[in-house]
């Protein structure tokens, strides 16, 4: 299949995915969700006033008409306004997204780099002492609850009961020094929770690549361990490594930030989503769900392109 045709096919599949996700989320939140007109009007509103408010909001229109109208606004980049404070949702997300990226990316990168290095170490010394040590630590990490890790680190590093080195909550960043203060504990929590999963996955990939004929031939001809692992094994295993790395980005940005930002009071996308869930703010929730779907589609296209560059055999029949 030619590259332009392949990309068009992927874009078509991505468009279908976005359409399905937006339809499902719109149905669940609008058709089966709480009556936002009642919440906006208050408890002492008459039925006639409620009907007038629904009419002014367009909630009296047929469902498919409302969905088509929302899709048209979405295509124009209009995400609507928050039901809670009337702020445009695009401005709200635009302010929160850089905070989430600054919060999550250090832990995401460290967790994957350390997991890859430990996986390579365990694979090279397979069934040896290093392998057992790494696997034991991975299993221990897999058993840890994210919330328990956050609470333990906060008590140990952020309170007078421990070392009291870092802020307990908030995000008052005005330079690199204050940024490091606020990002250290969330980064440690994210690394501790994800390191076990990453290490076991990367170890499995490296063990499989070490058993392939080209790698065994290189070892037989006296190639050093560093050359074997970084030149042959890592390059040949680039497709699963890149796939794991890139597909983890939306999950970490959404699910990881939701717990971290809610617990530490950090005004990112996760905190925005949590506040929207608790208040029933449908425009914000729809925007977050749509943003997540767009990220998955973008990551899918990026993963395909990166894997084709790393291995020309990728996607070949």
C-alpha atoms as a PDB file:
ATOM      1  CA  UNK A   1       0.000   0.000   0.000  1.00  0.00           C
ATOM      2  CA  UNK A   2       1.401   3.400  -0.964  1.00  0.00           C
ATOM      3  CA  UNK A   3       2.130   5.894   1.803  1.00  0.00           C
ATOM      4  CA  UNK A   4      -0.470   8.533   0.725  1.00  0.00           C
ATOM      5  CA  UNK A   5      -3.194   5.882   0.550  1.00  0.00           C
ATOM      6  CA  UNK A   6      -2.093   4.458   3.882  1.00  0.00           C
ATOM      7  CA  UNK A   7      -2.247   7.889   5.523  1.00  0.00           C
ATOM      8  CA  UNK A   8      -5.675   8.580   4.028  1.00  0.00           C
ATOM      9  CA  UNK A   9      -6.901   5.271   5.386  1.00  0.00           C
ATOM     10  CA  UNK A  10      -5.551   6.098   8.848  1.00  0.00           C
ATOM     11  CA  UNK A  11      -7.113   9.561   8.747  1.00  0.00           C
ATOM     12  CA  UNK A  12     -10.445   8.025   7.770  1.00  0.00           C
ATOM     13  CA  UNK A  13     -10.247   5.549  10.652  1.00  0.00           C
ATOM     14  CA  UNK A  14      -9.292   8.384  12.991  1.00  0.00           C
ATOM     15  CA  UNK A  15     -12.255  10.452  11.843  1.00  0.00           C
ATOM     16  CA  UNK A  16     -14.586   7.488  12.475  1.00  0.00           C
ATOM     17  CA  UNK A  17     -13.085   7.061  15.931  1.00  0.00           C
ATOM     18  CA  UNK A  18     -13.609  10.733  16.754  1.00  0.00           C
ATOM     19  CA  UNK A  19     -17.152  10.598  15.482  1.00  0.00           C
ATOM     20  CA  UNK A  20     -17.933   7.512  17.564  1.00  0.00           C
ATOM     21  CA  UNK A  21     -16.339   8.897  20.737  1.00  0.00           C
ATOM     22  CA  UNK A  22     -18.081  12.257  20.443  1.00  0.00           C
ATOM     23  CA  UNK A  23     -21.440  10.617  19.710  1.00  0.00           C
ATOM     24  CA  UNK A  24     -21.129   8.268  22.676  1.00  0.00           C
ATOM     25  CA  UNK A  25     -19.976  10.973  25.089  1.00  0.00           C
ATOM     26  CA  UNK A  26     -22.619  13.426  23.850  1.00  0.00           C
ATOM     27  CA  UNK A  27     -25.315  10.769  24.272  1.00  0.00           C
ATOM     28  CA  UNK A  28     -24.256   9.823  27.798  1.00  0.00           C
ATOM     29  CA  UNK A  29     -23.806  13.371  29.044  1.00  0.00           C
ATOM     30  CA  UNK A  30     -26.645  15.146  27.257  1.00  0.00           C
ATOM     31  CA  UNK A  31     -29.315  12.539  26.674  1.00  0.00           C
ATOM     32  CA  UNK A  32     -28.887  10.600  29.922  1.00  0.00           C
ATOM     33  CA  UNK A  33     -27.136  13.168  32.080  1.00  0.00           C
ATOM     34  CA  UNK A  34     -28.670  15.582  34.585  1.00  0.00           C
ATOM     35  CA  UNK A  35     -30.875  18.418  33.416  1.00  0.00           C
ATOM     36  CA  UNK A  36     -28.470  21.344  33.297  1.00  0.00           C
ATOM     37  CA  UNK A  37     -31.345  23.796  32.892  1.00  0.00           C
ATOM     38  CA  UNK A  38     -32.682  22.782  36.297  1.00  0.00           C
ATOM     39  CA  UNK A  39     -29.247  23.178  37.868  1.00  0.00           C
ATOM     40  CA  UNK A  40     -28.736  26.591  36.280  1.00  0.00           C
ATOM     41  CA  UNK A  41     -32.192  27.855  37.219  1.00  0.00           C
ATOM     42  CA  UNK A  42     -32.163  26.755  40.846  1.00  0.00           C
ATOM     43  CA  UNK A  43     -34.672  24.917  43.005  1.00  0.00           C
ATOM     44  CA  UNK A  44     -37.374  27.608  43.248  1.00  0.00           C
ATOM     45  CA  UNK A  45     -37.995  27.841  39.504  1.00  0.00           C
ATOM     46  CA  UNK A  46     -41.404  27.183  37.992  1.00  0.00           C
ATOM     47  CA  UNK A  47     -41.942  24.689  35.183  1.00  0.00           C
ATOM     48  CA  UNK A  48     -42.701  27.493  32.758  1.00  0.00           C
ATOM     49  CA  UNK A  49     -39.410  29.205  33.593  1.00  0.00           C
ATOM     50  CA  UNK A  50     -37.573  25.892  33.129  1.00  0.00           C
ATOM     51  CA  UNK A  51     -39.128  25.390  29.700  1.00  0.00           C
ATOM     52  CA  UNK A  52     -38.173  28.911  28.688  1.00  0.00           C
ATOM     53  CA  UNK A  53     -34.575  28.334  29.851  1.00  0.00           C
ATOM     54  CA  UNK A  54     -34.396  25.012  27.955  1.00  0.00           C
ATOM     55  CA  UNK A  55     -35.679  26.769  24.843  1.00  0.00           C
ATOM     56  CA  UNK A  56     -33.099  29.541  25.165  1.00  0.00           C
ATOM     57  CA  UNK A  57     -30.327  26.951  25.602  1.00  0.00           C
ATOM     58  CA  UNK A  58     -31.557  24.900  22.658  1.00  0.00           C
ATOM     59  CA  UNK A  59     -32.297  21.869  24.838  1.00  0.00           C
ATOM     60  CA  UNK A  60     -35.803  21.525  23.441  1.00  0.00           C
ATOM     61  CA  UNK A  61     -34.469  20.608  19.995  1.00  0.00           C
ATOM     62  CA  UNK A  62     -34.193  16.981  18.748  1.00  0.00           C
ATOM     63  CA  UNK A  63     -31.128  15.103  19.911  1.00  0.00           C
ATOM     64  CA  UNK A  64     -29.552  14.631  16.474  1.00  0.00           C
ATOM     65  CA  UNK A  65     -30.027  18.294  15.669  1.00  0.00           C
ATOM     66  CA  UNK A  66     -28.278  19.247  18.912  1.00  0.00           C
ATOM     67  CA  UNK A  67     -25.450  16.824  18.189  1.00  0.00           C
ATOM     68  CA  UNK A  68     -24.993  18.110  14.630  1.00  0.00           C
ATOM     69  CA  UNK A  69     -24.955  21.679  15.904  1.00  0.00           C
ATOM     70  CA  UNK A  70     -22.365  20.800  18.531  1.00  0.00           C
ATOM     71  CA  UNK A  71     -20.203  19.062  15.907  1.00  0.00           C
ATOM     72  CA  UNK A  72     -20.374  22.155  13.719  1.00  0.00           C
ATOM     73  CA  UNK A  73     -19.257  24.342  16.612  1.00  0.00           C
ATOM     74  CA  UNK A  74     -16.497  21.867  17.422  1.00  0.00           C
ATOM     75  CA  UNK A  75     -15.265  21.949  13.814  1.00  0.00           C
ATOM     76  CA  UNK A  76     -15.045  25.752  14.070  1.00  0.00           C
ATOM     77  CA  UNK A  77     -13.043  25.452  17.286  1.00  0.00           C
ATOM     78  CA  UNK A  78     -15.898  26.671  19.452  1.00  0.00           C
ATOM     79  CA  UNK A  79     -16.029  24.519  22.600  1.00  0.00           C
ATOM     80  CA  UNK A  80     -18.734  26.573  24.233  1.00  0.00           C
ATOM     81  CA  UNK A  81     -18.697  28.087  27.707  1.00  0.00           C
ATOM     82  CA  UNK A  82     -18.468  26.473  31.104  1.00  0.00           C
ATOM     83  CA  UNK A  83     -21.796  26.010  32.874  1.00  0.00           C
ATOM     84  CA  UNK A  84     -20.103  26.743  36.203  1.00  0.00           C
ATOM     85  CA  UNK A  85     -18.553  30.157  35.585  1.00  0.00           C
ATOM     86  CA  UNK A  86     -19.318  31.061  31.963  1.00  0.00           C
ATOM     87  CA  UNK A  87     -15.648  31.063  30.932  1.00  0.00           C
ATOM     88  CA  UNK A  88     -14.971  29.880  27.356  1.00  0.00           C
ATOM     89  CA  UNK A  89     -13.912  26.252  27.504  1.00  0.00           C
ATOM     90  CA  UNK A  90     -11.080  26.707  24.993  1.00  0.00           C
ATOM     91  CA  UNK A  91      -9.562  29.358  27.253  1.00  0.00           C
ATOM     92  CA  UNK A  92      -9.987  27.103  30.285  1.00  0.00           C
ATOM     93  CA  UNK A  93      -8.334  24.131  28.572  1.00  0.00           C
ATOM     94  CA  UNK A  94      -5.637  26.329  27.055  1.00  0.00           C
ATOM     95  CA  UNK A  95      -4.680  27.567  30.514  1.00  0.00           C
ATOM     96  CA  UNK A  96      -4.762  24.105  32.121  1.00  0.00           C
ATOM     97  CA  UNK A  97      -2.986  22.035  29.457  1.00  0.00           C
ATOM     98  CA  UNK A  98       0.504  23.612  29.831  1.00  0.00           C
ATOM     99  CA  UNK A  99       0.302  23.003  33.587  1.00  0.00           C
ATOM    100  CA  UNK A 100      -0.513  19.323  33.014  1.00  0.00           C
ATOM    101  CA  UNK A 101       2.322  18.933  30.504  1.00  0.00           C
ATOM    102  CA  UNK A 102       4.807  20.558  32.884  1.00  0.00           C
ATOM    103  CA  UNK A 103       3.587  18.347  35.730  1.00  0.00           C
ATOM    104  CA  UNK A 104       3.412  14.953  34.011  1.00  0.00           C
ATOM    105  CA  UNK A 105       6.146  14.924  31.356  1.00  0.00           C
ATOM    106  CA  UNK A 106       9.173  14.669  33.728  1.00  0.00           C
ATOM    107  CA  UNK A 107       7.741  11.603  35.474  1.00  0.00           C
ATOM    108  CA  UNK A 108       6.623  10.093  32.181  1.00  0.00           C
ATOM    109  CA  UNK A 109      10.060  10.452  30.585  1.00  0.00           C
ATOM    110  CA  UNK A 110      11.977   9.310  33.664  1.00  0.00           C
ATOM    111  CA  UNK A 111       9.691   6.307  34.167  1.00  0.00           C
ATOM    112  CA  UNK A 112      10.170   5.147  30.583  1.00  0.00           C
ATOM    113  CA  UNK A 113      13.913   5.802  30.384  1.00  0.00           C
ATOM    114  CA  UNK A 114      14.594   4.049  33.688  1.00  0.00           C
ATOM    115  CA  UNK A 115      12.223   1.221  32.766  1.00  0.00           C
ATOM    116  CA  UNK A 116      13.989   0.741  29.419  1.00  0.00           C
ATOM    117  CA  UNK A 117      17.464   0.704  31.007  1.00  0.00           C
ATOM    118  CA  UNK A 118      16.402  -1.693  33.769  1.00  0.00           C
ATOM    119  CA  UNK A 119      14.646  -3.906  31.229  1.00  0.00           C
ATOM    120  CA  UNK A 120      17.806  -4.058  29.122  1.00  0.00           C
ATOM    121  CA  UNK A 121      19.885  -4.856  32.203  1.00  0.00           C
ATOM    122  CA  UNK A 122      17.538  -7.656  33.293  1.00  0.00           C
ATOM    123  CA  UNK A 123      17.376  -9.105  29.773  1.00  0.00           C
ATOM    124  CA  UNK A 124      21.168  -9.162  29.376  1.00  0.00           C
ATOM    125  CA  UNK A 125      21.611 -10.958  32.727  1.00  0.00           C
ATOM    126  CA  UNK A 126      18.530 -13.108  32.253  1.00  0.00           C
ATOM    127  CA  UNK A 127      17.909 -15.579  35.102  1.00  0.00           C
ATOM    128  CA  UNK A 128      20.829 -14.072  36.970  1.00  0.00           C
ATOM    129  CA  UNK A 129      20.966 -12.047  40.171  1.00  0.00           C
ATOM    130  CA  UNK A 130      20.333  -8.719  38.402  1.00  0.00           C
ATOM    131  CA  UNK A 131      17.337 -10.178  36.569  1.00  0.00           C
ATOM    132  CA  UNK A 132      15.787 -11.526  39.775  1.00  0.00           C
ATOM    133  CA  UNK A 133      16.403  -8.236  41.560  1.00  0.00           C
ATOM    134  CA  UNK A 134      14.820  -6.160  38.786  1.00  0.00           C
ATOM    135  CA  UNK A 135      11.850  -8.509  38.437  1.00  0.00           C
ATOM    136  CA  UNK A 136      11.310  -8.540  42.190  1.00  0.00           C
ATOM    137  CA  UNK A 137      11.317  -4.757  42.307  1.00  0.00           C
ATOM    138  CA  UNK A 138       8.924  -4.643  39.335  1.00  0.00           C
ATOM    139  CA  UNK A 139       6.452  -6.981  41.022  1.00  0.00           C
ATOM    140  CA  UNK A 140       6.635  -4.881  44.188  1.00  0.00           C
ATOM    141  CA  UNK A 141       5.980  -1.751  42.137  1.00  0.00           C
ATOM    142  CA  UNK A 142       3.008  -3.363  40.394  1.00  0.00           C
ATOM    143  CA  UNK A 143       1.375  -4.021  43.757  1.00  0.00           C
ATOM    144  CA  UNK A 144       1.488  -0.386  44.872  1.00  0.00           C
ATOM    145  CA  UNK A 145      -1.596   1.801  44.728  1.00  0.00           C
ATOM    146  CA  UNK A 146      -1.096   5.193  43.091  1.00  0.00           C
ATOM    147  CA  UNK A 147      -3.035   6.918  45.864  1.00  0.00           C
ATOM    148  CA  UNK A 148      -1.047   5.152  48.598  1.00  0.00           C
ATOM    149  CA  UNK A 149       2.221   6.202  46.960  1.00  0.00           C
ATOM    150  CA  UNK A 150       1.054   9.818  46.722  1.00  0.00           C
ATOM    151  CA  UNK A 151      -0.029   9.936  50.372  1.00  0.00           C
ATOM    152  CA  UNK A 152       3.174   8.242  51.588  1.00  0.00           C
ATOM    153  CA  UNK A 153       5.418  10.620  49.632  1.00  0.00           C
ATOM    154  CA  UNK A 154       3.436  13.632  50.744  1.00  0.00           C
ATOM    155  CA  UNK A 155       3.714  12.648  54.418  1.00  0.00           C
ATOM    156  CA  UNK A 156       7.403  11.779  54.065  1.00  0.00           C
ATOM    157  CA  UNK A 157       8.530  14.780  52.013  1.00  0.00           C
ATOM    158  CA  UNK A 158       5.947  17.541  52.486  1.00  0.00           C
ATOM    159  CA  UNK A 159       4.860  17.545  56.141  1.00  0.00           C
ATOM    160  CA  UNK A 160       6.478  18.133  59.547  1.00  0.00           C
ATOM    161  CA  UNK A 161       5.990  14.406  60.231  1.00  0.00           C
ATOM    162  CA  UNK A 162       8.666  13.777  57.609  1.00  0.00           C
ATOM    163  CA  UNK A 163      11.359  15.894  55.970  1.00  0.00           C
ATOM    164  CA  UNK A 164       9.074  18.866  55.169  1.00  0.00           C
ATOM    165  CA  UNK A 165      11.057  19.791  52.053  1.00  0.00           C
ATOM    166  CA  UNK A 166       8.344  20.474  49.475  1.00  0.00           C
ATOM    167  CA  UNK A 167       4.960  22.257  49.324  1.00  0.00           C
ATOM    168  CA  UNK A 168       1.980  20.142  50.331  1.00  0.00           C
ATOM    169  CA  UNK A 169      -0.436  21.545  47.732  1.00  0.00           C
ATOM    170  CA  UNK A 170      -0.742  24.232  45.075  1.00  0.00           C
ATOM    171  CA  UNK A 171       1.107  25.410  41.973  1.00  0.00           C
ATOM    172  CA  UNK A 172       2.779  28.795  42.454  1.00  0.00           C
ATOM    173  CA  UNK A 173       5.456  28.497  39.784  1.00  0.00           C
ATOM    174  CA  UNK A 174       7.405  31.619  38.838  1.00  0.00           C
ATOM    175  CA  UNK A 175      10.771  30.150  37.888  1.00  0.00           C
ATOM    176  CA  UNK A 176      12.837  26.974  37.651  1.00  0.00           C
ATOM    177  CA  UNK A 177      13.407  26.833  41.412  1.00  0.00           C
ATOM    178  CA  UNK A 178       9.735  26.971  42.355  1.00  0.00           C
ATOM    179  CA  UNK A 179       8.906  24.600  39.487  1.00  0.00           C
ATOM    180  CA  UNK A 180      11.281  21.976  40.866  1.00  0.00           C
ATOM    181  CA  UNK A 181       9.733  22.379  44.320  1.00  0.00           C
ATOM    182  CA  UNK A 182       6.201  21.709  43.079  1.00  0.00           C
ATOM    183  CA  UNK A 183       6.989  19.026  40.495  1.00  0.00           C
ATOM    184  CA  UNK A 184       9.369  16.793  42.481  1.00  0.00           C
ATOM    185  CA  UNK A 185       6.874  14.852  44.601  1.00  0.00           C
ATOM    186  CA  UNK A 186       4.339  14.234  41.780  1.00  0.00           C
ATOM    187  CA  UNK A 187       7.221  13.130  39.534  1.00  0.00           C
ATOM    188  CA  UNK A 188       8.486  10.665  42.130  1.00  0.00           C
ATOM    189  CA  UNK A 189       4.970   9.281  42.582  1.00  0.00           C
ATOM    190  CA  UNK A 190       4.486   8.817  38.836  1.00  0.00           C
ATOM    191  CA  UNK A 191       7.901   7.161  38.401  1.00  0.00           C
ATOM    192  CA  UNK A 192       7.348   4.741  41.297  1.00  0.00           C
ATOM    193  CA  UNK A 193       3.915   3.673  40.045  1.00  0.00           C
ATOM    194  CA  UNK A 194       4.811   3.267  36.350  1.00  0.00           C
ATOM    195  CA  UNK A 195       8.336   1.878  36.681  1.00  0.00           C
ATOM    196  CA  UNK A 196       7.227  -1.690  37.388  1.00  0.00           C
ATOM    197  CA  UNK A 197       4.947  -1.841  34.350  1.00  0.00           C
ATOM    198  CA  UNK A 198       7.519  -0.242  32.073  1.00  0.00           C
ATOM    199  CA  UNK A 199      10.385  -2.448  33.235  1.00  0.00           C
ATOM    200  CA  UNK A 200       8.519  -5.725  32.736  1.00  0.00           C
ATOM    201  CA  UNK A 201       7.345  -4.692  29.274  1.00  0.00           C
ATOM    202  CA  UNK A 202      10.751  -3.526  28.081  1.00  0.00           C
ATOM    203  CA  UNK A 203      12.450  -6.604  29.542  1.00  0.00           C
ATOM    204  CA  UNK A 204      10.095  -8.867  27.574  1.00  0.00           C
ATOM    205  CA  UNK A 205      10.891  -6.983  24.358  1.00  0.00           C
ATOM    206  CA  UNK A 206      14.648  -7.153  24.952  1.00  0.00           C
ATOM    207  CA  UNK A 207      14.589 -10.868  25.822  1.00  0.00           C
ATOM    208  CA  UNK A 208      12.756 -11.607  22.574  1.00  0.00           C
ATOM    209  CA  UNK A 209      15.214  -9.571  20.518  1.00  0.00           C
ATOM    210  CA  UNK A 210      18.244 -11.174  22.192  1.00  0.00           C
ATOM    211  CA  UNK A 211      17.038 -14.577  20.980  1.00  0.00           C
ATOM    212  CA  UNK A 212      16.960 -13.541  17.309  1.00  0.00           C
ATOM    213  CA  UNK A 213      19.575 -14.896  14.897  1.00  0.00           C
ATOM    214  CA  UNK A 214      21.243 -11.555  13.923  1.00  0.00           C
ATOM    215  CA  UNK A 215      21.834 -10.714  17.599  1.00  0.00           C
ATOM    216  CA  UNK A 216      23.201 -14.162  18.406  1.00  0.00           C
ATOM    217  CA  UNK A 217      25.485 -13.888  15.388  1.00  0.00           C
ATOM    218  CA  UNK A 218      26.779 -10.504  16.554  1.00  0.00           C
ATOM    219  CA  UNK A 219      27.491 -11.948  20.011  1.00  0.00           C
ATOM    220  CA  UNK A 220      29.247 -14.946  18.451  1.00  0.00           C
ATOM    221  CA  UNK A 221      31.555 -12.606  16.513  1.00  0.00           C
ATOM    222  CA  UNK A 222      32.590 -10.880  19.745  1.00  0.00           C
ATOM    223  CA  UNK A 223      30.437  -7.748  19.778  1.00  0.00           C
ATOM    224  CA  UNK A 224      30.476  -6.035  23.156  1.00  0.00           C
ATOM    225  CA  UNK A 225      27.426  -6.019  25.389  1.00  0.00           C
ATOM    226  CA  UNK A 226      26.890  -2.290  24.845  1.00  0.00           C
ATOM    227  CA  UNK A 227      27.082  -2.697  21.072  1.00  0.00           C
ATOM    228  CA  UNK A 228      24.693  -5.638  21.111  1.00  0.00           C
ATOM    229  CA  UNK A 229      22.087  -3.940  23.325  1.00  0.00           C
ATOM    230  CA  UNK A 230      22.163  -0.412  21.904  1.00  0.00           C
ATOM    231  CA  UNK A 231      22.980  -1.139  18.254  1.00  0.00           C
ATOM    232  CA  UNK A 232      21.210  -4.403  17.514  1.00  0.00           C
ATOM    233  CA  UNK A 233      18.622  -5.151  20.214  1.00  0.00           C
ATOM    234  CA  UNK A 234      17.308  -1.638  20.809  1.00  0.00           C
ATOM    235  CA  UNK A 235      17.153  -0.801  17.107  1.00  0.00           C
ATOM    236  CA  UNK A 236      15.374  -4.045  16.200  1.00  0.00           C
ATOM    237  CA  UNK A 237      12.965  -3.618  19.099  1.00  0.00           C
ATOM    238  CA  UNK A 238      12.192  -0.001  18.229  1.00  0.00           C
ATOM    239  CA  UNK A 239       8.644  -0.721  17.008  1.00  0.00           C
ATOM    240  CA  UNK A 240       7.214  -2.098  20.297  1.00  0.00           C
ATOM    241  CA  UNK A 241       9.228   0.440  22.305  1.00  0.00           C
ATOM    242  CA  UNK A 242       7.910   3.394  20.287  1.00  0.00           C
ATOM    243  CA  UNK A 243       4.382   1.995  20.341  1.00  0.00           C
ATOM    244  CA  UNK A 244       4.438   1.621  24.118  1.00  0.00           C
ATOM    245  CA  UNK A 245       5.979   5.048  24.622  1.00  0.00           C
ATOM    246  CA  UNK A 246       3.661   7.012  22.347  1.00  0.00           C
ATOM    247  CA  UNK A 247       0.410   5.264  23.256  1.00  0.00           C
ATOM    248  CA  UNK A 248       1.128   5.920  26.942  1.00  0.00           C
ATOM    249  CA  UNK A 249       1.064   9.696  26.456  1.00  0.00           C
ATOM    250  CA  UNK A 250      -2.741  10.230  26.407  1.00  0.00           C
ATOM    251  CA  UNK A 251      -3.244   7.790  29.290  1.00  0.00           C
ATOM    252  CA  UNK A 252      -0.663   9.495  31.486  1.00  0.00           C
ATOM    253  CA  UNK A 253      -1.858  12.992  30.586  1.00  0.00           C
ATOM    254  CA  UNK A 254      -5.482  12.183  31.449  1.00  0.00           C
ATOM    255  CA  UNK A 255      -5.560   9.445  34.092  1.00  0.00           C
ATOM    256  CA  UNK A 256      -2.249  10.325  35.749  1.00  0.00           C
ATOM    257  CA  UNK A 257      -2.962  14.023  35.936  1.00  0.00           C
ATOM    258  CA  UNK A 258      -6.501  13.435  37.250  1.00  0.00           C
ATOM    259  CA  UNK A 259      -5.291  11.910  40.508  1.00  0.00           C
ATOM    260  CA  UNK A 260      -2.131  13.987  40.911  1.00  0.00           C
ATOM    261  CA  UNK A 261      -3.784  17.330  40.234  1.00  0.00           C
ATOM    262  CA  UNK A 262      -6.851  16.567  42.319  1.00  0.00           C
ATOM    263  CA  UNK A 263      -4.831  15.464  45.328  1.00  0.00           C
ATOM    264  CA  UNK A 264      -2.186  18.205  45.120  1.00  0.00           C
ATOM    265  CA  UNK A 265      -4.612  20.969  44.066  1.00  0.00           C
ATOM    266  CA  UNK A 266      -2.804  21.685  40.780  1.00  0.00           C
ATOM    267  CA  UNK A 267      -4.891  23.589  38.176  1.00  0.00           C
ATOM    268  CA  UNK A 268      -4.335  21.320  35.182  1.00  0.00           C
ATOM    269  CA  UNK A 269      -6.597  19.361  32.858  1.00  0.00           C
ATOM    270  CA  UNK A 270      -7.104  16.595  35.428  1.00  0.00           C
ATOM    271  CA  UNK A 271      -8.327  19.067  38.057  1.00  0.00           C
ATOM    272  CA  UNK A 272     -10.549  20.749  35.471  1.00  0.00           C
ATOM    273  CA  UNK A 273     -12.054  17.367  34.551  1.00  0.00           C
ATOM    274  CA  UNK A 274     -12.593  16.421  38.198  1.00  0.00           C
ATOM    275  CA  UNK A 275     -14.323  19.733  38.954  1.00  0.00           C
ATOM    276  CA  UNK A 276     -16.496  19.307  35.857  1.00  0.00           C
ATOM    277  CA  UNK A 277     -17.490  15.795  36.953  1.00  0.00           C
ATOM    278  CA  UNK A 278     -18.470  16.907  40.437  1.00  0.00           C
ATOM    279  CA  UNK A 279     -20.420  19.929  39.170  1.00  0.00           C
ATOM    280  CA  UNK A 280     -21.923  18.280  36.068  1.00  0.00           C
ATOM    281  CA  UNK A 281     -20.318  20.831  33.753  1.00  0.00           C
ATOM    282  CA  UNK A 282     -21.174  19.203  30.410  1.00  0.00           C
ATOM    283  CA  UNK A 283     -19.304  21.561  28.017  1.00  0.00           C
ATOM    284  CA  UNK A 284     -16.051  21.063  29.917  1.00  0.00           C
ATOM    285  CA  UNK A 285     -16.507  17.294  30.150  1.00  0.00           C
ATOM    286  CA  UNK A 286     -17.266  17.047  26.433  1.00  0.00           C
ATOM    287  CA  UNK A 287     -14.182  19.117  25.660  1.00  0.00           C
ATOM    288  CA  UNK A 288     -11.911  16.910  27.803  1.00  0.00           C
ATOM    289  CA  UNK A 289     -13.281  13.688  26.286  1.00  0.00           C
ATOM    290  CA  UNK A 290     -12.911  15.093  22.770  1.00  0.00           C
ATOM    291  CA  UNK A 291      -9.384  16.297  23.496  1.00  0.00           C
ATOM    292  CA  UNK A 292      -8.480  12.799  24.731  1.00  0.00           C
ATOM    293  CA  UNK A 293      -9.890  11.217  21.549  1.00  0.00           C
ATOM    294  CA  UNK A 294      -7.984  13.707  19.382  1.00  0.00           C
ATOM    295  CA  UNK A 295      -4.770  12.847  21.255  1.00  0.00           C
ATOM    296  CA  UNK A 296      -5.311   9.120  20.644  1.00  0.00           C
ATOM    297  CA  UNK A 297      -5.853   9.699  16.922  1.00  0.00           C
ATOM    298  CA  UNK A 298      -2.783  11.959  16.713  1.00  0.00           C
ATOM    299  CA  UNK A 299      -0.698   9.411  18.625  1.00  0.00           C
ATOM    300  CA  UNK A 300      -1.887   6.645  16.290  1.00  0.00           C
ATOM    301  CA  UNK A 301      -0.726   8.594  13.230  1.00  0.00           C
ATOM    302  CA  UNK A 302       2.534   9.597  14.925  1.00  0.00           C
ATOM    303  CA  UNK A 303       3.201   6.006  16.005  1.00  0.00           C
ATOM    304  CA  UNK A 304       2.678   4.689  12.481  1.00  0.00           C
ATOM    305  CA  UNK A 305       5.035   7.303  11.039  1.00  0.00           C
ATOM    306  CA  UNK A 306       7.703   6.732  13.720  1.00  0.00           C
ATOM    307  CA  UNK A 307       7.559   2.938  13.389  1.00  0.00           C
ATOM    308  CA  UNK A 308       7.868   3.154   9.592  1.00  0.00           C
ATOM    309  CA  UNK A 309      10.956   5.332   9.982  1.00  0.00           C
ATOM    310  CA  UNK A 310      12.450   3.001  12.582  1.00  0.00           C
ATOM    311  CA  UNK A 311      11.696  -0.185  10.638  1.00  0.00           C
ATOM    312  CA  UNK A 312      10.793  -0.096   6.910  1.00  0.00           C
ATOM    313  CA  UNK A 313       9.223  -3.549   7.308  1.00  0.00           C
ATOM    314  CA  UNK A 314       6.539  -2.134   9.601  1.00  0.00           C
ATOM    315  CA  UNK A 315       3.072  -2.469   8.090  1.00  0.00           C
ATOM    316  CA  UNK A 316       4.322  -4.547   5.173  1.00  0.00           C
ATOM    317  CA  UNK A 317       2.086  -7.485   4.180  1.00  0.00           C
END
